[in-house]
Amino acid sequence: MADLGTVGRVITGRVVLAGGHVSGTVRDAQGAPARRRLGLFHRERLSYSNAAYSDATSGVYQIPCHVTDYQAEHLVVCLDDSAEPVQNDLILGRVVGL
């Protein structure tokens, strides 16, 4: 996996988001769109928020999240598939839902 794409944005000041989401595109090591399982975790509490799969054709994913904390940051975890070659799972931190 090469990258997770753009997932969220950095926000300064107090925000309240309900029904937000984290989204982006997953690509494999060759740069082609890839289907992968992704998990969203609250960064401060390290608690599970939600999960989704990226689309096999486009690599696009969208994970619903409800953000009510002051600048609640999340971690996106992207799991590698079982095909060879085995790659490390990816973690993208400090993500804020839109």
N, C-alpha and C. Protein backbone atom coordinates (compact mmCIF):
# COMPACT_ATOMS: atom_id res chain seq x y z
N MET A 1 0.84 -1.17 0.00
CA MET A 1 0.00 0.00 0.00
C MET A 1 0.88 1.24 0.00
N ALA A 2 0.62 2.15 -0.88
CA ALA A 2 1.44 3.34 -1.00
C ALA A 2 0.95 4.48 -0.13
N ASP A 3 -0.35 4.78 -0.15
CA ASP A 3 -0.85 5.87 0.68
C ASP A 3 -2.33 5.71 0.92
N LEU A 4 -2.84 6.48 1.87
CA LEU A 4 -4.26 6.45 2.20
C LEU A 4 -5.01 7.62 1.59
N GLY A 5 -4.32 8.50 0.89
CA GLY A 5 -4.99 9.66 0.31
C GLY A 5 -5.26 10.72 1.35
N THR A 6 -6.08 11.66 1.00
CA THR A 6 -6.44 12.75 1.89
C THR A 6 -7.61 12.32 2.75
N VAL A 7 -7.46 12.42 4.05
CA VAL A 7 -8.53 11.97 4.94
C VAL A 7 -8.80 13.04 5.99
N GLY A 8 -9.77 13.86 5.75
CA GLY A 8 -10.14 14.88 6.71
C GLY A 8 -9.34 16.15 6.54
N ARG A 9 -9.38 16.99 7.55
CA ARG A 9 -8.68 18.26 7.51
C ARG A 9 -8.33 18.68 8.93
N VAL A 10 -7.38 19.56 9.06
CA VAL A 10 -7.01 20.11 10.36
C VAL A 10 -7.88 21.32 10.62
N ILE A 11 -8.47 21.38 11.80
CA ILE A 11 -9.37 22.49 12.15
C ILE A 11 -8.85 23.16 13.40
N THR A 12 -8.81 24.49 13.40
CA THR A 12 -8.43 25.21 14.61
C THR A 12 -9.68 25.80 15.22
N GLY A 13 -9.69 25.89 16.54
CA GLY A 13 -10.87 26.40 17.24
C GLY A 13 -11.83 25.29 17.60
N ARG A 14 -12.89 25.63 18.30
CA ARG A 14 -13.86 24.64 18.75
C ARG A 14 -14.82 24.29 17.61
N VAL A 15 -15.03 22.98 17.42
CA VAL A 15 -15.95 22.52 16.39
C VAL A 15 -16.87 21.45 16.96
N VAL A 16 -18.06 21.38 16.42
CA VAL A 16 -18.98 20.31 16.75
C VAL A 16 -19.49 19.75 15.43
N LEU A 17 -19.18 18.51 15.19
CA LEU A 17 -19.63 17.85 13.97
C LEU A 17 -20.45 16.63 14.35
N ALA A 18 -21.60 16.49 13.77
CA ALA A 18 -22.41 15.29 13.96
C ALA A 18 -22.69 14.72 12.59
N GLY A 19 -22.44 13.46 12.42
CA GLY A 19 -22.67 12.86 11.12
C GLY A 19 -21.57 13.14 10.13
N GLY A 20 -20.37 13.41 10.62
CA GLY A 20 -19.24 13.68 9.74
C GLY A 20 -18.69 12.40 9.15
N HIS A 21 -17.58 12.53 8.40
CA HIS A 21 -16.94 11.36 7.82
C HIS A 21 -15.46 11.62 7.57
N VAL A 22 -14.74 10.54 7.41
CA VAL A 22 -13.34 10.55 7.01
C VAL A 22 -13.31 9.81 5.69
N SER A 23 -12.63 10.38 4.69
CA SER A 23 -12.62 9.73 3.38
C SER A 23 -11.26 9.88 2.70
N GLY A 24 -11.04 9.09 1.68
CA GLY A 24 -9.80 9.15 0.94
C GLY A 24 -9.75 8.04 -0.09
N THR A 25 -8.56 7.74 -0.58
CA THR A 25 -8.35 6.71 -1.59
C THR A 25 -7.18 5.83 -1.17
N VAL A 26 -7.36 4.53 -1.29
CA VAL A 26 -6.31 3.56 -0.98
C VAL A 26 -5.72 3.05 -2.29
N ARG A 27 -4.40 3.03 -2.34
CA ARG A 27 -3.70 2.50 -3.52
C ARG A 27 -2.71 1.43 -3.07
N ASP A 28 -2.48 0.46 -3.94
CA ASP A 28 -1.52 -0.59 -3.61
C ASP A 28 -0.10 -0.11 -3.88
N ALA A 29 0.88 -1.00 -3.70
CA ALA A 29 2.29 -0.62 -3.84
C ALA A 29 2.63 -0.15 -5.25
N GLN A 30 1.86 -0.59 -6.25
CA GLN A 30 2.10 -0.18 -7.63
C GLN A 30 1.33 1.08 -8.00
N GLY A 31 0.53 1.62 -7.07
CA GLY A 31 -0.23 2.84 -7.31
C GLY A 31 -1.62 2.62 -7.86
N ALA A 32 -2.04 1.37 -7.96
CA ALA A 32 -3.39 1.06 -8.45
C ALA A 32 -4.39 1.12 -7.30
N PRO A 33 -5.64 1.54 -7.58
CA PRO A 33 -6.67 1.54 -6.54
C PRO A 33 -6.82 0.14 -5.95
N ALA A 34 -7.10 0.07 -4.64
CA ALA A 34 -7.15 -1.23 -3.97
C ALA A 34 -8.29 -1.31 -2.97
N ARG A 35 -8.84 -2.51 -2.81
CA ARG A 35 -9.86 -2.77 -1.79
C ARG A 35 -9.14 -3.19 -0.51
N ARG A 36 -9.36 -2.44 0.55
CA ARG A 36 -8.76 -2.75 1.85
C ARG A 36 -9.76 -2.45 2.96
N ARG A 37 -9.59 -3.12 4.08
CA ARG A 37 -10.40 -2.87 5.28
C ARG A 37 -9.74 -1.74 6.06
N LEU A 38 -10.56 -0.75 6.47
CA LEU A 38 -10.06 0.40 7.23
C LEU A 38 -10.84 0.54 8.52
N GLY A 39 -10.13 0.91 9.58
CA GLY A 39 -10.77 1.15 10.86
C GLY A 39 -10.48 2.56 11.33
N LEU A 40 -11.43 3.14 12.05
CA LEU A 40 -11.30 4.50 12.57
C LEU A 40 -11.33 4.43 14.10
N PHE A 41 -10.34 5.05 14.74
CA PHE A 41 -10.22 5.01 16.19
C PHE A 41 -10.06 6.42 16.74
N HIS A 42 -10.72 6.71 17.87
CA HIS A 42 -10.56 7.99 18.56
C HIS A 42 -9.15 8.02 19.12
N ARG A 43 -8.38 9.03 18.76
CA ARG A 43 -6.95 9.06 19.10
C ARG A 43 -6.70 9.18 20.61
N GLU A 44 -7.40 10.06 21.28
CA GLU A 44 -7.15 10.29 22.71
C GLU A 44 -7.55 9.09 23.55
N ARG A 45 -8.71 8.50 23.26
CA ARG A 45 -9.21 7.38 24.06
C ARG A 45 -8.77 6.03 23.51
N LEU A 46 -8.20 6.01 22.29
CA LEU A 46 -7.86 4.76 21.60
C LEU A 46 -9.06 3.82 21.53
N SER A 47 -10.22 4.40 21.30
CA SER A 47 -11.43 3.58 21.20
C SER A 47 -11.88 3.48 19.75
N TYR A 48 -12.48 2.36 19.42
CA TYR A 48 -12.98 2.08 18.08
C TYR A 48 -14.15 3.01 17.76
N SER A 49 -14.15 3.59 16.56
CA SER A 49 -15.25 4.45 16.13
C SER A 49 -16.09 3.79 15.05
N ASN A 50 -15.45 3.31 13.98
CA ASN A 50 -16.19 2.75 12.86
C ASN A 50 -15.22 2.07 11.90
N ALA A 51 -15.74 1.41 10.87
CA ALA A 51 -14.90 0.74 9.88
C ALA A 51 -15.60 0.74 8.52
N ALA A 52 -14.82 0.49 7.48
CA ALA A 52 -15.35 0.41 6.12
C ALA A 52 -14.33 -0.29 5.23
N TYR A 53 -14.77 -0.64 4.02
CA TYR A 53 -13.88 -1.15 2.98
C TYR A 53 -13.73 -0.08 1.91
N SER A 54 -12.55 0.01 1.32
CA SER A 54 -12.39 0.87 0.16
C SER A 54 -12.94 0.13 -1.05
N ASP A 55 -13.36 0.89 -2.06
CA ASP A 55 -13.92 0.32 -3.27
C ASP A 55 -12.83 -0.36 -4.09
N ALA A 56 -13.11 -1.55 -4.61
CA ALA A 56 -12.11 -2.31 -5.36
C ALA A 56 -11.71 -1.63 -6.67
N THR A 57 -12.62 -0.91 -7.30
CA THR A 57 -12.35 -0.29 -8.59
C THR A 57 -11.66 1.06 -8.46
N SER A 58 -12.15 1.89 -7.53
CA SER A 58 -11.62 3.26 -7.40
C SER A 58 -10.68 3.44 -6.22
N GLY A 59 -10.73 2.55 -5.22
CA GLY A 59 -9.93 2.69 -4.00
C GLY A 59 -10.52 3.69 -3.02
N VAL A 60 -11.63 4.31 -3.36
CA VAL A 60 -12.25 5.34 -2.52
C VAL A 60 -12.92 4.71 -1.30
N TYR A 61 -12.78 5.36 -0.15
CA TYR A 61 -13.49 4.94 1.06
C TYR A 61 -14.09 6.14 1.75
N GLN A 62 -15.11 5.89 2.55
CA GLN A 62 -15.72 6.91 3.40
C GLN A 62 -16.17 6.22 4.68
N ILE A 63 -15.67 6.71 5.81
CA ILE A 63 -15.99 6.13 7.11
C ILE A 63 -16.80 7.15 7.91
N PRO A 64 -18.06 6.86 8.22
CA PRO A 64 -18.86 7.78 9.02
C PRO A 64 -18.27 7.93 10.43
N CYS A 65 -18.31 9.16 10.94
CA CYS A 65 -17.87 9.40 12.32
C CYS A 65 -18.68 10.54 12.91
N HIS A 66 -18.86 10.50 14.20
CA HIS A 66 -19.56 11.56 14.93
C HIS A 66 -18.53 12.23 15.83
N VAL A 67 -18.26 13.49 15.58
CA VAL A 67 -17.24 14.21 16.32
C VAL A 67 -17.93 15.27 17.16
N THR A 68 -17.82 15.14 18.48
CA THR A 68 -18.41 16.15 19.37
C THR A 68 -17.39 16.70 20.36
N ASP A 69 -16.19 16.14 20.37
CA ASP A 69 -15.14 16.63 21.26
C ASP A 69 -14.40 17.79 20.61
N TYR A 70 -13.73 18.59 21.43
CA TYR A 70 -12.90 19.69 20.93
C TYR A 70 -11.80 19.11 20.06
N GLN A 71 -11.81 19.45 18.79
CA GLN A 71 -10.80 18.99 17.83
C GLN A 71 -10.50 17.50 17.98
N ALA A 72 -11.54 16.68 18.03
CA ALA A 72 -11.34 15.24 18.22
C ALA A 72 -10.55 14.66 17.06
N GLU A 73 -9.37 14.15 17.36
CA GLU A 73 -8.54 13.54 16.34
C GLU A 73 -8.75 12.04 16.34
N HIS A 74 -8.62 11.46 15.15
CA HIS A 74 -8.78 10.03 14.98
C HIS A 74 -7.54 9.43 14.31
N LEU A 75 -7.45 8.12 14.38
CA LEU A 75 -6.44 7.35 13.65
C LEU A 75 -7.18 6.52 12.62
N VAL A 76 -6.66 6.46 11.40
CA VAL A 76 -7.19 5.56 10.39
C VAL A 76 -6.19 4.42 10.24
N VAL A 77 -6.66 3.20 10.40
CA VAL A 77 -5.83 2.02 10.25
C VAL A 77 -6.27 1.30 8.98
N CYS A 78 -5.31 1.07 8.08
CA CYS A 78 -5.58 0.40 6.82
C CYS A 78 -4.87 -0.95 6.84
N LEU A 79 -5.64 -2.03 6.78
CA LEU A 79 -5.07 -3.38 6.85
C LEU A 79 -4.65 -3.86 5.46
N ASP A 80 -3.50 -4.48 5.39
CA ASP A 80 -3.04 -5.06 4.13
C ASP A 80 -3.89 -6.29 3.82
N ASP A 81 -3.98 -6.64 2.53
CA ASP A 81 -4.69 -7.86 2.17
C ASP A 81 -3.77 -9.07 2.38
N SER A 82 -4.27 -10.24 2.08
CA SER A 82 -3.48 -11.45 2.33
C SER A 82 -2.63 -11.86 1.13
N ALA A 83 -2.70 -11.10 0.04
CA ALA A 83 -1.93 -11.44 -1.16
C ALA A 83 -0.45 -11.11 -0.96
N GLU A 84 0.39 -11.84 -1.66
CA GLU A 84 1.83 -11.57 -1.62
C GLU A 84 2.15 -10.41 -2.55
N PRO A 85 3.12 -9.59 -2.31
CA PRO A 85 3.96 -9.62 -1.11
C PRO A 85 3.22 -9.00 0.08
N VAL A 86 3.54 -9.48 1.26
CA VAL A 86 2.94 -8.95 2.48
C VAL A 86 3.51 -7.57 2.76
N GLN A 87 2.64 -6.62 3.01
CA GLN A 87 3.03 -5.25 3.35
C GLN A 87 2.62 -4.96 4.79
N ASN A 88 3.24 -3.96 5.41
CA ASN A 88 2.82 -3.53 6.73
C ASN A 88 1.46 -2.84 6.63
N ASP A 89 0.66 -2.99 7.69
CA ASP A 89 -0.57 -2.22 7.78
C ASP A 89 -0.17 -0.75 7.95
N LEU A 90 -1.06 0.16 7.56
CA LEU A 90 -0.76 1.58 7.64
C LEU A 90 -1.61 2.26 8.69
N ILE A 91 -1.03 3.28 9.33
CA ILE A 91 -1.77 4.09 10.29
C ILE A 91 -1.57 5.55 9.89
N LEU A 92 -2.66 6.25 9.74
CA LEU A 92 -2.63 7.68 9.46
C LEU A 92 -3.23 8.39 10.67
N GLY A 93 -2.45 9.22 11.34
CA GLY A 93 -2.90 9.84 12.57
C GLY A 93 -3.29 11.29 12.43
N ARG A 94 -3.88 11.80 13.50
CA ARG A 94 -4.30 13.20 13.61
C ARG A 94 -5.27 13.61 12.51
N VAL A 95 -6.27 12.75 12.30
CA VAL A 95 -7.30 12.99 11.30
C VAL A 95 -8.53 13.53 11.99
N VAL A 96 -9.12 14.58 11.41
CA VAL A 96 -10.35 15.17 11.93
C VAL A 96 -11.42 15.00 10.86
N GLY A 97 -12.59 14.51 11.25
CA GLY A 97 -13.67 14.30 10.29
C GLY A 97 -14.20 15.59 9.71
N LEU A 98 -14.79 15.48 8.54
CA LEU A 98 -15.40 16.62 7.85
C LEU A 98 -16.88 16.64 8.09
